[in-house]
Amino acid sequence: MAEFNLIKSLAQYPGVVKDRNQLMDAMYGDSIYVDDRTIDSHIKRLRKKFRSYDISFDQIRTRYGSGYSWRD
């Protein structure tokens, strides 16, 4: 469920960069505290899953120093 919420948060506004805190709020709300690097792990896993179906998957963009965005 957390990964689905992460994809939804990114894909809902393509091109908009979301920082780790925004993505943590979208994934977990206020119900749990996680380290901000947890987002990086989720992103890595999602890319791997998508690439297992489509090797050219490149929709999730890393904006170094800012966060992540869904490619528009």
PDB file of N, CA and C in Angstrom:
ATOM      1  N   MET A   1       0.818  -1.193   0.000  1.00  0.00           N
ATOM      2  CA  MET A   1       0.000   0.000   0.000  1.00  0.00           C
ATOM      3  C   MET A   1       0.863   1.258   0.000  1.00  0.00           C
ATOM      4  N   ALA A   2       1.976   1.239   0.738  1.00  0.00           N
ATOM      5  CA  ALA A   2       2.841   2.417   0.815  1.00  0.00           C
ATOM      6  C   ALA A   2       3.413   2.752  -0.557  1.00  0.00           C
ATOM      7  N   GLU A   3       3.856   1.730  -1.301  1.00  0.00           N
ATOM      8  CA  GLU A   3       4.424   1.986  -2.621  1.00  0.00           C
ATOM      9  C   GLU A   3       3.372   2.524  -3.580  1.00  0.00           C
ATOM     10  N   PHE A   4       2.149   2.013  -3.487  1.00  0.00           N
ATOM     11  CA  PHE A   4       1.073   2.548  -4.317  1.00  0.00           C
ATOM     12  C   PHE A   4       0.855   4.023  -4.019  1.00  0.00           C
ATOM     13  N   ASN A   5       0.827   4.386  -2.750  1.00  0.00           N
ATOM     14  CA  ASN A   5       0.650   5.797  -2.379  1.00  0.00           C
ATOM     15  C   ASN A   5       1.806   6.657  -2.875  1.00  0.00           C
ATOM     16  N   LEU A   6       2.999   6.092  -2.902  1.00  0.00           N
ATOM     17  CA  LEU A   6       4.156   6.823  -3.424  1.00  0.00           C
ATOM     18  C   LEU A   6       3.995   7.084  -4.915  1.00  0.00           C
ATOM     19  N   ILE A   7       3.625   6.063  -5.673  1.00  0.00           N
ATOM     20  CA  ILE A   7       3.404   6.236  -7.116  1.00  0.00           C
ATOM     21  C   ILE A   7       2.297   7.244  -7.361  1.00  0.00           C
ATOM     22  N   LYS A   8       1.221   7.113  -6.625  1.00  0.00           N
ATOM     23  CA  LYS A   8       0.085   8.025  -6.782  1.00  0.00           C
ATOM     24  C   LYS A   8       0.506   9.468  -6.522  1.00  0.00           C
ATOM     25  N   SER A   9       1.267   9.682  -5.474  1.00  0.00           N
ATOM     26  CA  SER A   9       1.717  11.020  -5.112  1.00  0.00           C
ATOM     27  C   SER A   9       2.581  11.631  -6.210  1.00  0.00           C
ATOM     28  N   LEU A  10       3.446  10.833  -6.806  1.00  0.00           N
ATOM     29  CA  LEU A  10       4.310  11.344  -7.868  1.00  0.00           C
ATOM     30  C   LEU A  10       3.558  11.527  -9.186  1.00  0.00           C
ATOM     31  N   ALA A  11       2.786  10.530  -9.573  1.00  0.00           N
ATOM     32  CA  ALA A  11       2.122  10.548 -10.880  1.00  0.00           C
ATOM     33  C   ALA A  11       0.949  11.522 -10.951  1.00  0.00           C
ATOM     34  N   GLN A  12       0.399  11.868  -9.819  1.00  0.00           N
ATOM     35  CA  GLN A  12      -0.752  12.772  -9.789  1.00  0.00           C
ATOM     36  C   GLN A  12      -0.395  14.143 -10.356  1.00  0.00           C
ATOM     37  N   TYR A  13       0.839  14.581 -10.145  1.00  0.00           N
ATOM     38  CA  TYR A  13       1.296  15.881 -10.634  1.00  0.00           C
ATOM     39  C   TYR A  13       2.622  15.704 -11.361  1.00  0.00           C
ATOM     40  N   PRO A  14       2.586  15.237 -12.608  1.00  0.00           N
ATOM     41  CA  PRO A  14       3.826  15.007 -13.351  1.00  0.00           C
ATOM     42  C   PRO A  14       4.677  16.273 -13.446  1.00  0.00           C
ATOM     43  N   GLY A  15       5.970  16.103 -13.270  1.00  0.00           N
ATOM     44  CA  GLY A  15       6.894  17.222 -13.381  1.00  0.00           C
ATOM     45  C   GLY A  15       7.095  18.005 -12.103  1.00  0.00           C
ATOM     46  N   VAL A  16       6.223  17.810 -11.127  1.00  0.00           N
ATOM     47  CA  VAL A  16       6.331  18.522  -9.860  1.00  0.00           C
ATOM     48  C   VAL A  16       7.272  17.737  -8.941  1.00  0.00           C
ATOM     49  N   VAL A  17       8.307  18.405  -8.466  1.00  0.00           N
ATOM     50  CA  VAL A  17       9.278  17.760  -7.593  1.00  0.00           C
ATOM     51  C   VAL A  17       8.737  17.726  -6.168  1.00  0.00           C
ATOM     52  N   LYS A  18       8.764  16.531  -5.591  1.00  0.00           N
ATOM     53  CA  LYS A  18       8.326  16.358  -4.203  1.00  0.00           C
ATOM     54  C   LYS A  18       9.524  15.925  -3.376  1.00  0.00           C
ATOM     55  N   ASP A  19       9.699  16.571  -2.235  1.00  0.00           N
ATOM     56  CA  ASP A  19      10.821  16.195  -1.376  1.00  0.00           C
ATOM     57  C   ASP A  19      10.451  14.974  -0.540  1.00  0.00           C
ATOM     58  N   ARG A  20      11.411  14.449   0.159  1.00  0.00           N
ATOM     59  CA  ARG A  20      11.199  13.217   0.931  1.00  0.00           C
ATOM     60  C   ARG A  20      10.099  13.379   1.979  1.00  0.00           C
ATOM     61  N   ASN A  21      10.044  14.532   2.626  1.00  0.00           N
ATOM     62  CA  ASN A  21       9.008  14.738   3.651  1.00  0.00           C
ATOM     63  C   ASN A  21       7.615  14.703   3.047  1.00  0.00           C
ATOM     64  N   GLN A  22       7.433  15.305   1.896  1.00  0.00           N
ATOM     65  CA  GLN A  22       6.130  15.274   1.236  1.00  0.00           C
ATOM     66  C   GLN A  22       5.748  13.849   0.860  1.00  0.00           C
ATOM     67  N   LEU A  23       6.723  13.098   0.372  1.00  0.00           N
ATOM     68  CA  LEU A  23       6.442  11.721  -0.016  1.00  0.00           C
ATOM     69  C   LEU A  23       6.167  10.837   1.197  1.00  0.00           C
ATOM     70  N   MET A  24       6.872  11.072   2.293  1.00  0.00           N
ATOM     71  CA  MET A  24       6.597  10.311   3.523  1.00  0.00           C
ATOM     72  C   MET A  24       5.189  10.592   4.015  1.00  0.00           C
ATOM     73  N   ASP A  25       4.750  11.840   3.957  1.00  0.00           N
ATOM     74  CA  ASP A  25       3.387  12.176   4.364  1.00  0.00           C
ATOM     75  C   ASP A  25       2.365  11.475   3.483  1.00  0.00           C
ATOM     76  N   ALA A  26       2.632  11.423   2.183  1.00  0.00           N
ATOM     77  CA  ALA A  26       1.709  10.758   1.258  1.00  0.00           C
ATOM     78  C   ALA A  26       1.657   9.258   1.497  1.00  0.00           C
ATOM     79  N   MET A  27       2.789   8.683   1.872  1.00  0.00           N
ATOM     80  CA  MET A  27       2.857   7.238   2.071  1.00  0.00           C
ATOM     81  C   MET A  27       2.329   6.793   3.415  1.00  0.00           C
ATOM     82  N   TYR A  28       2.710   7.504   4.461  1.00  0.00           N
ATOM     83  CA  TYR A  28       2.424   7.037   5.821  1.00  0.00           C
ATOM     84  C   TYR A  28       1.531   7.963   6.632  1.00  0.00           C
ATOM     85  N   GLY A  29       1.353   9.189   6.190  1.00  0.00           N
ATOM     86  CA  GLY A  29       0.604  10.145   6.988  1.00  0.00           C
ATOM     87  C   GLY A  29       1.343  10.424   8.280  1.00  0.00           C
ATOM     88  N   ASP A  30       0.619  10.675   9.322  1.00  0.00           N
ATOM     89  CA  ASP A  30       1.229  10.940  10.630  1.00  0.00           C
ATOM     90  C   ASP A  30       1.278   9.697  11.499  1.00  0.00           C
ATOM     91  N   SER A  31       0.913   8.554  10.919  1.00  0.00           N
ATOM     92  CA  SER A  31       0.760   7.347  11.734  1.00  0.00           C
ATOM     93  C   SER A  31       2.074   6.678  12.127  1.00  0.00           C
ATOM     94  N   ILE A  32       3.152   7.001  11.415  1.00  0.00           N
ATOM     95  CA  ILE A  32       4.402   6.306  11.686  1.00  0.00           C
ATOM     96  C   ILE A  32       5.571   7.214  11.328  1.00  0.00           C
ATOM     97  N   TYR A  33       6.657   7.066  12.054  1.00  0.00           N
ATOM     98  CA  TYR A  33       7.865   7.813  11.717  1.00  0.00           C
ATOM     99  C   TYR A  33       8.837   6.867  11.031  1.00  0.00           C
ATOM    100  N   VAL A  34       9.347   7.292   9.900  1.00  0.00           N
ATOM    101  CA  VAL A  34      10.375   6.536   9.196  1.00  0.00           C
ATOM    102  C   VAL A  34      11.510   7.476   8.832  1.00  0.00           C
ATOM    103  N   ASP A  35      12.679   6.930   8.672  1.00  0.00           N
ATOM    104  CA  ASP A  35      13.826   7.711   8.233  1.00  0.00           C
ATOM    105  C   ASP A  35      13.590   8.181   6.800  1.00  0.00           C
ATOM    106  N   ASP A  36      14.048   9.389   6.476  1.00  0.00           N
ATOM    107  CA  ASP A  36      13.794   9.922   5.139  1.00  0.00           C
ATOM    108  C   ASP A  36      14.474   9.101   4.043  1.00  0.00           C
ATOM    109  N   ARG A  37      15.497   8.346   4.374  1.00  0.00           N
ATOM    110  CA  ARG A  37      16.165   7.492   3.378  1.00  0.00           C
ATOM    111  C   ARG A  37      15.320   6.274   3.017  1.00  0.00           C
ATOM    112  N   THR A  38      14.268   6.029   3.771  1.00  0.00           N
ATOM    113  CA  THR A  38      13.335   4.959   3.440  1.00  0.00           C
ATOM    114  C   THR A  38      12.713   5.219   2.081  1.00  0.00           C
ATOM    115  N   ILE A  39      12.478   6.482   1.775  1.00  0.00           N
ATOM    116  CA  ILE A  39      11.914   6.854   0.476  1.00  0.00           C
ATOM    117  C   ILE A  39      12.844   6.386  -0.636  1.00  0.00           C
ATOM    118  N   ASP A  40      14.138   6.592  -0.459  1.00  0.00           N
ATOM    119  CA  ASP A  40      15.107   6.163  -1.468  1.00  0.00           C
ATOM    120  C   ASP A  40      15.009   4.656  -1.716  1.00  0.00           C
ATOM    121  N   SER A  41      14.843   3.897  -0.655  1.00  0.00           N
ATOM    122  CA  SER A  41      14.712   2.440  -0.785  1.00  0.00           C
ATOM    123  C   SER A  41      13.450   2.064  -1.547  1.00  0.00           C
ATOM    124  N   HIS A  42      12.345   2.745  -1.241  1.00  0.00           N
ATOM    125  CA  HIS A  42      11.091   2.481  -1.957  1.00  0.00           C
ATOM    126  C   HIS A  42      11.232   2.822  -3.432  1.00  0.00           C
ATOM    127  N   ILE A  43      11.856   3.938  -3.732  1.00  0.00           N
ATOM    128  CA  ILE A  43      12.054   4.350  -5.123  1.00  0.00           C
ATOM    129  C   ILE A  43      12.889   3.304  -5.862  1.00  0.00           C
ATOM    130  N   LYS A  44      13.945   2.854  -5.241  1.00  0.00           N
ATOM    131  CA  LYS A  44      14.817   1.850  -5.847  1.00  0.00           C
ATOM    132  C   LYS A  44      14.043   0.568  -6.148  1.00  0.00           C
ATOM    133  N   ARG A  45      13.227   0.130  -5.176  1.00  0.00           N
ATOM    134  CA  ARG A  45      12.425  -1.083  -5.372  1.00  0.00           C
ATOM    135  C   ARG A  45      11.396  -0.910  -6.477  1.00  0.00           C
ATOM    136  N   LEU A  46      10.752   0.256  -6.511  1.00  0.00           N
ATOM    137  CA  LEU A  46       9.748   0.506  -7.547  1.00  0.00           C
ATOM    138  C   LEU A  46      10.367   0.508  -8.938  1.00  0.00           C
ATOM    139  N   ARG A  47      11.505   1.157  -9.075  1.00  0.00           N
ATOM    140  CA  ARG A  47      12.182   1.157 -10.378  1.00  0.00           C
ATOM    141  C   ARG A  47      12.506  -0.270 -10.816  1.00  0.00           C
ATOM    142  N   LYS A  48      12.983  -1.069  -9.891  1.00  0.00           N
ATOM    143  CA  LYS A  48      13.331  -2.461 -10.204  1.00  0.00           C
ATOM    144  C   LYS A  48      12.093  -3.242 -10.643  1.00  0.00           C
ATOM    145  N   LYS A  49      10.991  -3.058  -9.933  1.00  0.00           N
ATOM    146  CA  LYS A  49       9.754  -3.760 -10.282  1.00  0.00           C
ATOM    147  C   LYS A  49       9.255  -3.345 -11.658  1.00  0.00           C
ATOM    148  N   PHE A  50       9.221  -2.035 -11.924  1.00  0.00           N
ATOM    149  CA  PHE A  50       8.756  -1.563 -13.223  1.00  0.00           C
ATOM    150  C   PHE A  50       9.674  -2.036 -14.343  1.00  0.00           C
ATOM    151  N   ARG A  51      10.975  -2.025 -14.090  1.00  0.00           N
ATOM    152  CA  ARG A  51      11.935  -2.436 -15.134  1.00  0.00           C
ATOM    153  C   ARG A  51      11.902  -3.933 -15.388  1.00  0.00           C
ATOM    154  N   SER A  52      11.371  -4.700 -14.462  1.00  0.00           N
ATOM    155  CA  SER A  52      11.235  -6.139 -14.720  1.00  0.00           C
ATOM    156  C   SER A  52      10.160  -6.391 -15.780  1.00  0.00           C
ATOM    157  N   TYR A  53       9.253  -5.442 -15.968  1.00  0.00           N
ATOM    158  CA  TYR A  53       8.224  -5.532 -17.002  1.00  0.00           C
ATOM    159  C   TYR A  53       8.574  -4.725 -18.245  1.00  0.00           C
ATOM    160  N   ASP A  54       9.272  -3.623 -18.052  1.00  0.00           N
ATOM    161  CA  ASP A  54       9.648  -2.752 -19.159  1.00  0.00           C
ATOM    162  C   ASP A  54      11.032  -2.180 -18.888  1.00  0.00           C
ATOM    163  N   ILE A  55      12.022  -2.704 -19.575  1.00  0.00           N
ATOM    164  CA  ILE A  55      13.414  -2.335 -19.329  1.00  0.00           C
ATOM    165  C   ILE A  55      13.665  -0.844 -19.563  1.00  0.00           C
ATOM    166  N   SER A  56      12.830  -0.197 -20.352  1.00  0.00           N
ATOM    167  CA  SER A  56      13.034   1.221 -20.670  1.00  0.00           C
ATOM    168  C   SER A  56      12.317   2.161 -19.695  1.00  0.00           C
ATOM    169  N   PHE A  57      11.718   1.621 -18.641  1.00  0.00           N
ATOM    170  CA  PHE A  57      10.999   2.459 -17.676  1.00  0.00           C
ATOM    171  C   PHE A  57      11.924   3.535 -17.106  1.00  0.00           C
ATOM    172  N   ASP A  58      11.460   4.779 -17.216  1.00  0.00           N
ATOM    173  CA  ASP A  58      12.248   5.918 -16.741  1.00  0.00           C
ATOM    174  C   ASP A  58      11.324   7.056 -16.293  1.00  0.00           C
ATOM    175  N   GLN A  59      10.218   6.716 -15.698  1.00  0.00           N
ATOM    176  CA  GLN A  59       9.234   7.727 -15.310  1.00  0.00           C
ATOM    177  C   GLN A  59       9.575   8.435 -14.003  1.00  0.00           C
ATOM    178  N   ILE A  60      10.241   7.758 -13.098  1.00  0.00           N
ATOM    179  CA  ILE A  60      10.572   8.365 -11.815  1.00  0.00           C
ATOM    180  C   ILE A  60      11.925   9.053 -11.944  1.00  0.00           C
ATOM    181  N   ARG A  61      11.914  10.351 -11.784  1.00  0.00           N
ATOM    182  CA  ARG A  61      13.134  11.141 -11.926  1.00  0.00           C
ATOM    183  C   ARG A  61      13.670  11.563 -10.568  1.00  0.00           C
ATOM    184  N   THR A  62      14.962  11.476 -10.407  1.00  0.00           N
ATOM    185  CA  THR A  62      15.619  11.966  -9.203  1.00  0.00           C
ATOM    186  C   THR A  62      16.054  13.396  -9.464  1.00  0.00           C
ATOM    187  N   ARG A  63      15.657  14.293  -8.590  1.00  0.00           N
ATOM    188  CA  ARG A  63      16.088  15.687  -8.661  1.00  0.00           C
ATOM    189  C   ARG A  63      17.051  15.879  -7.500  1.00  0.00           C
ATOM    190  N   TYR A  64      18.334  15.724  -7.798  1.00  0.00           N
ATOM    191  CA  TYR A  64      19.354  15.742  -6.754  1.00  0.00           C
ATOM    192  C   TYR A  64      19.269  17.002  -5.905  1.00  0.00           C
ATOM    193  N   GLY A  65      19.234  16.793  -4.600  1.00  0.00           N
ATOM    194  CA  GLY A  65      19.139  17.890  -3.651  1.00  0.00           C
ATOM    195  C   GLY A  65      17.731  18.396  -3.435  1.00  0.00           C
ATOM    196  N   SER A  66      16.768  17.875  -4.222  1.00  0.00           N
ATOM    197  CA  SER A  66      15.391  18.359  -4.119  1.00  0.00           C
ATOM    198  C   SER A  66      14.394  17.258  -3.781  1.00  0.00           C
ATOM    199  N   GLY A  67      14.449  16.152  -4.489  1.00  0.00           N
ATOM    200  CA  GLY A  67      13.496  15.089  -4.274  1.00  0.00           C
ATOM    201  C   GLY A  67      13.287  14.268  -5.522  1.00  0.00           C
ATOM    202  N   TYR A  68      12.031  13.893  -5.777  1.00  0.00           N
ATOM    203  CA  TYR A  68      11.687  13.036  -6.906  1.00  0.00           C
ATOM    204  C   TYR A  68      10.493  13.621  -7.637  1.00  0.00           C
ATOM    205  N   SER A  69      10.392  13.267  -8.918  1.00  0.00           N
ATOM    206  CA  SER A  69       9.224  13.670  -9.691  1.00  0.00           C
ATOM    207  C   SER A  69       8.882  12.564 -10.685  1.00  0.00           C
ATOM    208  N   TRP A  70       7.643  12.614 -11.168  1.00  0.00           N
ATOM    209  CA  TRP A  70       7.191  11.711 -12.209  1.00  0.00           C
ATOM    210  C   TRP A  70       7.406  12.435 -13.523  1.00  0.00           C
ATOM    211  N   ARG A  71       8.019  11.755 -14.457  1.00  0.00           N
ATOM    212  CA  ARG A  71       8.343  12.375 -15.741  1.00  0.00           C
ATOM    213  C   ARG A  71       7.062  12.802 -16.455  1.00  0.00           C
ATOM    214  N   ASP A  72       7.042  14.030 -16.930  1.00  0.00           N
ATOM    215  CA  ASP A  72       5.864  14.519 -17.668  1.00  0.00           C
ATOM    216  C   ASP A  72       6.038  14.393 -19.141  1.00  0.00           C
TER     217      ASP A  72
END
